[in-house]
Amino acid sequence: MKILGIGNAIVDVICKVDDNFIVQNNLTKSTMKLYFHENEFRNLLANLKIEKTVSGGSVANSIVGISQLGNKTGFIGKISDDEFGRNYEEGLKKENVEYFYSKKKEELPTGTCLILVTPDSERTMCTFLGTAGKINEEDVSKDAIQKSEIIFLEGYLWDEGEPKKAFDKAINNANKVAMSLSDLFCVDRHKPHFLNLVKEKLDITFANEQEISSLIEAKNFDDVVNFSKQLNKLIIVTRGEKGAIAINGNEVFESDVKKNLKIVDLTGAGDLFAAGFLHGYINKLSTKDCLEKGTEMSSRVIQQIGARL
């Protein structure tokens, strides 16, 4: 298998809201908020009109994108045997993604992410991890990991306790490891751990400029470039309107954003960027071409609703 993704198995529930909804519910636009109480999350959802639901989660979105580009992919993520869980599994199978997890009835329901899209196309996420956040090392197939050329992890998945053990098992058995830092919230919550992962454990790191700057407490973007050069690993940073950059040892490659796009929803932009880049990487394209493929995929997904092409 080319790529195995390991991440939070989350059903994305996409809703359009106005800016007032964001303010009234004490949310910070363009970030992700974790909900720890199911009832609080359900109350938020009760007042909304659902546009559509998709088998999501950051890495799962990337893996589907890589599959759509014609590569053999797999995914591991914890779900419960409930309606959302069954929908989740079916959704991946329809996209030709091999699902390496046997669901059973869990105490917590399948995880859900409410994606609130405001008129400016920004997305604000409210996540109830449910059973996805309870992933443990028993849920992670050593055999599937060892048979994959590369595994792709998400920062969202990392947490103290059982998820960390699952993470460690995956990394320790992998041929090559890529990871997305996922969100500024994750970086700030787990900074020393993430810094250690980037320096010591990962072959490829995906981040946006905000995330990597916070991780290394950079004063400017030159600090990010210099830090990345010293690592001698592949660091890919998306920079919004400034495009994207890949740093591999002393080599620096850049890609501009596509112009004149009709942006509808930024959900999945980073996920599909990673999909395009990793597609190029496993098919041995040049780093510059990998960046271009990532930019092309993210440009396509932001011109529609949701994180799937």
Protein backbone atom coordinates (compact mmCIF):
# COMPACT_ATOMS: atom_id res chain seq x y z
CA MET A 1 0.00 0.00 0.00
CA LYS A 2 1.22 3.50 -0.80
CA ILE A 3 -0.16 5.49 2.13
CA LEU A 4 -1.94 4.58 5.37
CA GLY A 5 -3.64 7.40 7.23
CA ILE A 6 -4.21 7.22 10.97
CA GLY A 7 -6.48 9.87 12.42
CA ASN A 8 -9.69 10.84 14.11
CA ALA A 9 -12.66 9.22 12.38
CA ILE A 10 -15.05 12.15 12.43
CA VAL A 11 -18.33 12.70 10.61
CA ASP A 12 -18.26 16.26 9.22
CA VAL A 13 -21.58 18.08 9.58
CA ILE A 14 -21.50 21.22 7.43
CA CYS A 15 -23.76 24.18 8.25
CA LYS A 16 -23.93 27.79 7.02
CA VAL A 17 -24.11 30.42 9.78
CA ASP A 18 -23.77 34.18 10.12
CA ASP A 19 -21.08 35.95 12.15
CA ASN A 20 -23.51 36.53 15.01
CA PHE A 21 -23.79 32.80 15.61
CA ILE A 22 -20.00 32.61 16.06
CA VAL A 23 -20.01 35.48 18.57
CA GLN A 24 -23.09 34.32 20.50
CA ASN A 25 -21.59 30.87 21.05
CA ASN A 26 -18.20 32.23 22.22
CA LEU A 27 -16.36 30.71 19.25
CA THR A 28 -13.19 32.05 17.65
CA LYS A 29 -13.56 32.25 13.90
CA SER A 30 -11.32 29.96 11.78
CA THR A 31 -10.26 27.78 14.72
CA MET A 32 -11.40 24.46 16.15
CA LYS A 33 -13.04 24.13 19.58
CA LEU A 34 -13.24 20.80 21.35
CA TYR A 35 -16.44 19.93 23.19
CA PHE A 36 -16.09 17.47 26.05
CA HIS A 37 -19.79 17.13 26.93
CA GLU A 38 -22.07 15.46 24.42
CA ASN A 39 -25.18 17.38 25.58
CA GLU A 40 -23.51 20.77 25.11
CA PHE A 41 -22.49 19.74 21.60
CA ARG A 42 -25.97 18.39 20.77
CA ASN A 43 -27.56 21.68 21.93
CA LEU A 44 -25.34 23.61 19.53
CA LEU A 45 -26.27 21.29 16.67
CA ALA A 46 -30.01 21.45 17.47
CA ASN A 47 -30.29 25.06 16.29
CA LEU A 48 -28.70 24.52 12.90
CA LYS A 49 -29.74 23.53 9.41
CA ILE A 50 -27.41 20.82 8.10
CA GLU A 51 -26.13 21.33 4.53
CA LYS A 52 -24.46 17.92 4.26
CA THR A 53 -22.61 15.21 6.17
CA VAL A 54 -19.35 13.55 5.05
CA SER A 55 -16.96 10.90 6.44
CA GLY A 56 -14.33 13.34 7.56
CA GLY A 57 -11.44 13.97 9.85
CA SER A 58 -8.36 15.78 8.59
CA VAL A 59 -6.21 12.81 7.58
CA ALA A 60 -9.21 10.88 6.24
CA ASN A 61 -9.91 13.82 3.91
CA SER A 62 -6.30 13.70 2.69
CA ILE A 63 -6.41 9.92 2.22
CA VAL A 64 -9.58 10.15 0.14
CA GLY A 65 -7.92 12.82 -2.02
CA ILE A 66 -4.88 10.59 -2.53
CA SER A 67 -7.18 7.68 -3.43
CA GLN A 68 -9.05 9.86 -5.94
CA LEU A 69 -5.70 10.52 -7.64
CA GLY A 70 -5.39 6.78 -8.28
CA ASN A 71 -3.22 5.58 -5.39
CA LYS A 72 -3.76 2.57 -3.13
CA THR A 73 -4.63 3.93 0.32
CA GLY A 74 -5.88 2.81 3.72
CA PHE A 75 -7.16 4.41 6.90
CA ILE A 76 -7.33 3.59 10.61
CA GLY A 77 -9.71 5.49 12.88
CA LYS A 78 -11.98 4.50 15.75
CA ILE A 79 -15.76 4.55 15.29
CA SER A 80 -18.72 3.05 17.14
CA ASP A 81 -21.26 0.68 15.63
CA ASP A 82 -23.95 3.37 15.36
CA GLU A 83 -25.62 5.21 12.47
CA PHE A 84 -22.82 7.76 12.02
CA GLY A 85 -20.23 4.96 12.32
CA ARG A 86 -21.88 2.86 9.61
CA ASN A 87 -22.18 5.93 7.37
CA TYR A 88 -18.52 6.67 8.00
CA GLU A 89 -17.34 3.22 6.96
CA GLU A 90 -19.53 3.22 3.85
CA GLY A 91 -18.26 6.67 2.88
CA LEU A 92 -14.63 5.49 2.89
CA LYS A 93 -15.40 2.28 0.99
CA LYS A 94 -17.12 4.31 -1.76
CA GLU A 95 -13.85 6.22 -2.19
CA ASN A 96 -11.80 2.99 -2.53
CA VAL A 97 -10.06 3.53 0.80
CA GLU A 98 -9.31 0.29 2.67
CA TYR A 99 -10.57 0.64 6.24
CA PHE A 100 -8.41 -1.18 8.78
CA TYR A 101 -10.76 -1.08 11.75
CA SER A 102 -13.48 -3.45 12.99
CA LYS A 103 -16.21 -1.40 14.61
CA LYS A 104 -18.13 -2.48 17.69
CA LYS A 105 -20.62 -0.80 20.02
CA GLU A 106 -18.65 1.69 22.13
CA GLU A 107 -19.62 3.67 25.23
CA LEU A 108 -19.23 6.92 23.29
CA PRO A 109 -20.79 7.62 19.89
CA THR A 110 -18.87 8.11 16.63
CA GLY A 111 -17.09 11.48 16.60
CA THR A 112 -18.70 14.50 14.98
CA CYS A 113 -17.30 17.81 13.73
CA LEU A 114 -19.63 20.72 13.18
CA ILE A 115 -18.19 22.88 10.39
CA LEU A 116 -19.69 26.35 10.53
CA VAL A 117 -19.21 28.26 7.28
CA THR A 118 -19.63 32.05 7.52
CA PRO A 119 -20.42 34.35 4.55
CA ASP A 120 -16.69 35.15 4.13
CA SER A 121 -16.06 31.41 3.40
CA GLU A 122 -14.09 30.92 6.63
CA ARG A 123 -14.85 27.77 8.56
CA THR A 124 -15.06 27.45 12.34
CA MET A 125 -15.08 23.93 13.72
CA CYS A 126 -16.73 22.50 16.82
CA THR A 127 -15.66 18.93 17.50
CA PHE A 128 -17.02 16.26 19.78
CA LEU A 129 -14.45 13.50 19.43
CA GLY A 130 -16.66 10.77 20.87
CA THR A 131 -15.02 7.39 20.56
CA ALA A 132 -12.49 8.68 17.98
CA GLY A 133 -10.52 10.27 20.82
CA LYS A 134 -10.29 6.93 22.65
CA ILE A 135 -8.08 5.26 20.04
CA ASN A 136 -5.49 2.95 21.61
CA GLU A 137 -2.59 0.81 20.44
CA GLU A 138 -4.86 -2.25 20.02
CA ASP A 139 -6.82 -0.32 17.38
CA VAL A 140 -3.69 0.22 15.26
CA SER A 141 -2.70 -2.63 12.94
CA LYS A 142 1.06 -3.19 13.03
CA ASP A 143 0.79 -5.31 9.89
CA ALA A 144 -1.01 -2.57 7.91
CA ILE A 145 1.59 -0.01 9.03
CA GLN A 146 4.56 -2.17 8.03
CA LYS A 147 3.04 -2.88 4.61
CA SER A 148 2.63 0.84 3.84
CA GLU A 149 5.32 2.92 2.18
CA ILE A 150 4.39 5.87 4.35
CA ILE A 151 1.97 6.64 7.19
CA PHE A 152 0.24 9.98 7.58
CA LEU A 153 -0.76 11.17 11.06
CA GLU A 154 -2.63 14.22 12.31
CA GLY A 155 -1.87 16.45 15.28
CA TYR A 156 -5.56 16.31 16.21
CA LEU A 157 -5.09 12.65 17.16
CA TRP A 158 -2.22 13.19 19.59
CA ASP A 159 -3.19 13.24 23.25
CA GLU A 160 -1.77 12.00 26.53
CA GLY A 161 -2.54 8.41 27.49
CA GLU A 162 -3.94 5.86 25.04
CA PRO A 163 -3.83 8.03 21.85
CA LYS A 164 -0.12 8.72 22.49
CA LYS A 165 0.53 4.97 22.77
CA ALA A 166 -1.28 4.42 19.46
CA PHE A 167 0.80 7.21 17.91
CA ASP A 168 4.06 5.72 19.23
CA LYS A 169 3.19 2.25 17.96
CA ALA A 170 2.46 3.67 14.51
CA ILE A 171 5.69 5.68 14.34
CA ASN A 172 7.85 2.86 15.69
CA ASN A 173 6.61 0.41 13.04
CA ALA A 174 6.48 2.76 10.06
CA ASN A 175 8.78 2.84 7.05
CA LYS A 176 8.33 6.60 6.76
CA VAL A 177 6.22 9.08 8.75
CA ALA A 178 4.40 12.24 7.65
CA MET A 179 2.28 14.36 9.97
CA SER A 180 0.17 17.48 9.87
CA LEU A 181 0.34 19.82 12.88
CA SER A 182 -3.42 20.26 12.26
CA ASP A 183 -4.33 23.41 14.19
CA LEU A 184 -2.82 26.21 16.28
CA PHE A 185 -4.91 24.92 19.18
CA CYS A 186 -3.12 21.54 18.97
CA VAL A 187 0.32 23.12 18.68
CA ASP A 188 -0.15 25.36 21.71
CA ARG A 189 -1.63 22.50 23.75
CA HIS A 190 1.18 20.01 22.99
CA LYS A 191 4.10 22.26 22.05
CA PRO A 192 7.05 20.34 23.63
CA HIS A 193 5.74 17.00 22.32
CA PHE A 194 5.13 18.32 18.80
CA LEU A 195 8.54 19.97 18.71
CA ASN A 196 10.14 16.66 19.65
CA LEU A 197 8.14 14.85 16.96
CA VAL A 198 9.18 17.34 14.27
CA LYS A 199 12.83 17.23 15.28
CA GLU A 200 13.25 13.53 16.05
CA LYS A 201 10.45 11.35 14.64
CA LEU A 202 8.89 12.77 11.48
CA ASP A 203 10.23 12.54 7.94
CA ILE A 204 7.68 15.02 6.56
CA THR A 205 5.85 17.78 8.45
CA PHE A 206 2.89 19.79 7.13
CA ALA A 207 1.96 23.06 8.85
CA ASN A 208 0.54 26.44 8.10
CA GLU A 209 2.62 29.53 8.85
CA GLN A 210 0.78 30.28 12.08
CA GLU A 211 1.26 26.75 13.45
CA ILE A 212 4.98 26.38 12.70
CA SER A 213 5.69 29.94 13.89
CA SER A 214 4.03 29.19 17.22
CA LEU A 215 5.78 25.82 17.51
CA ILE A 216 9.27 27.30 17.33
CA GLU A 217 8.26 30.74 18.69
CA ALA A 218 9.52 32.41 15.52
CA LYS A 219 9.80 36.20 15.34
CA ASN A 220 9.52 36.18 11.54
CA PHE A 221 9.35 33.76 8.64
CA ASP A 222 13.13 33.68 8.22
CA ASP A 223 13.27 31.95 11.60
CA VAL A 224 10.98 29.23 10.21
CA VAL A 225 13.16 28.73 7.13
CA ASN A 226 16.38 28.61 9.17
CA PHE A 227 14.89 26.15 11.68
CA SER A 228 13.71 23.89 8.86
CA LYS A 229 17.06 23.96 7.05
CA GLN A 230 18.86 22.79 10.19
CA LEU A 231 16.55 19.78 10.56
CA ASN A 232 17.48 18.25 7.22
CA LYS A 233 13.93 16.87 6.86
CA LEU A 234 11.06 17.83 4.60
CA ILE A 235 9.00 20.69 6.02
CA ILE A 236 6.03 22.02 4.03
CA VAL A 237 4.40 25.29 5.07
CA THR A 238 1.22 26.77 3.58
CA ARG A 239 1.10 30.58 3.76
CA GLY A 240 -2.40 31.56 2.62
CA GLU A 241 -2.21 34.22 -0.07
CA LYS A 242 1.61 33.91 -0.14
CA GLY A 243 1.37 30.37 -1.48
CA ALA A 244 3.34 27.42 -0.09
CA ILE A 245 6.96 26.58 0.59
CA ALA A 246 8.86 23.30 1.00
CA ILE A 247 12.22 23.17 2.76
CA ASN A 248 14.39 20.10 2.32
CA GLY A 249 17.82 20.57 3.86
CA ASN A 250 19.28 23.70 2.25
CA GLU A 251 16.88 23.55 -0.70
CA VAL A 252 13.85 25.84 -0.65
CA PHE A 253 10.99 25.50 -3.14
CA GLU A 254 8.01 27.85 -3.49
CA SER A 255 4.62 27.72 -5.14
CA ASP A 256 2.22 30.64 -5.70
CA VAL A 257 -1.50 30.52 -5.07
CA LYS A 258 -3.85 30.16 -8.02
CA LYS A 259 -5.46 33.44 -9.10
CA ASN A 260 -9.10 34.41 -9.75
CA LEU A 261 -10.68 31.57 -7.79
CA LYS A 262 -14.31 31.73 -6.73
CA ILE A 263 -13.80 30.76 -3.09
CA VAL A 264 -16.88 29.18 -1.50
CA ASP A 265 -15.59 27.32 1.58
CA LEU A 266 -12.04 26.92 2.93
CA THR A 267 -12.85 23.58 4.60
CA GLY A 268 -10.31 20.95 3.61
CA ALA A 269 -7.86 23.34 1.91
CA GLY A 270 -4.96 22.07 4.02
CA ASP A 271 -6.12 18.45 3.87
CA LEU A 272 -6.30 18.45 0.07
CA PHE A 273 -3.03 20.35 -0.21
CA ALA A 274 -1.38 17.51 1.76
CA ALA A 275 -3.14 14.98 -0.51
CA GLY A 276 -1.72 16.58 -3.65
CA PHE A 277 1.76 16.90 -2.21
CA LEU A 278 1.87 13.32 -0.91
CA HIS A 279 0.52 12.01 -4.23
CA GLY A 280 3.49 13.68 -5.90
CA TYR A 281 5.90 12.43 -3.26
CA ILE A 282 4.93 8.74 -3.49
CA ASN A 283 5.01 8.96 -7.28
CA LYS A 284 8.53 10.44 -7.13
CA LEU A 285 7.71 13.85 -8.59
CA SER A 286 10.09 16.74 -7.90
CA THR A 287 9.48 18.75 -4.72
CA LYS A 288 8.42 21.73 -6.86
CA ASP A 289 5.87 19.54 -8.72
CA CYS A 290 4.61 18.14 -5.40
CA LEU A 291 3.95 21.71 -4.23
CA GLU A 292 2.16 22.51 -7.48
CA LYS A 293 -0.05 19.42 -7.14
CA GLY A 294 -0.88 20.36 -3.56
CA THR A 295 -1.79 23.89 -4.64
CA GLU A 296 -3.96 22.58 -7.48
CA MET A 297 -5.90 20.23 -5.15
CA SER A 298 -6.48 22.88 -2.47
CA SER A 299 -7.55 25.40 -5.16
CA ARG A 300 -10.18 22.97 -6.40
CA VAL A 301 -11.65 22.11 -3.01
CA ILE A 302 -12.12 25.72 -1.82
CA GLN A 303 -14.36 26.43 -4.81
CA GLN A 304 -17.03 24.06 -3.45
CA ILE A 305 -18.72 23.20 -0.13
CA GLY A 306 -16.97 20.58 1.99
CA ALA A 307 -13.60 18.87 2.11
CA ARG A 308 -14.11 16.33 -0.69
CA LEU A 309 -13.69 16.64 -4.44
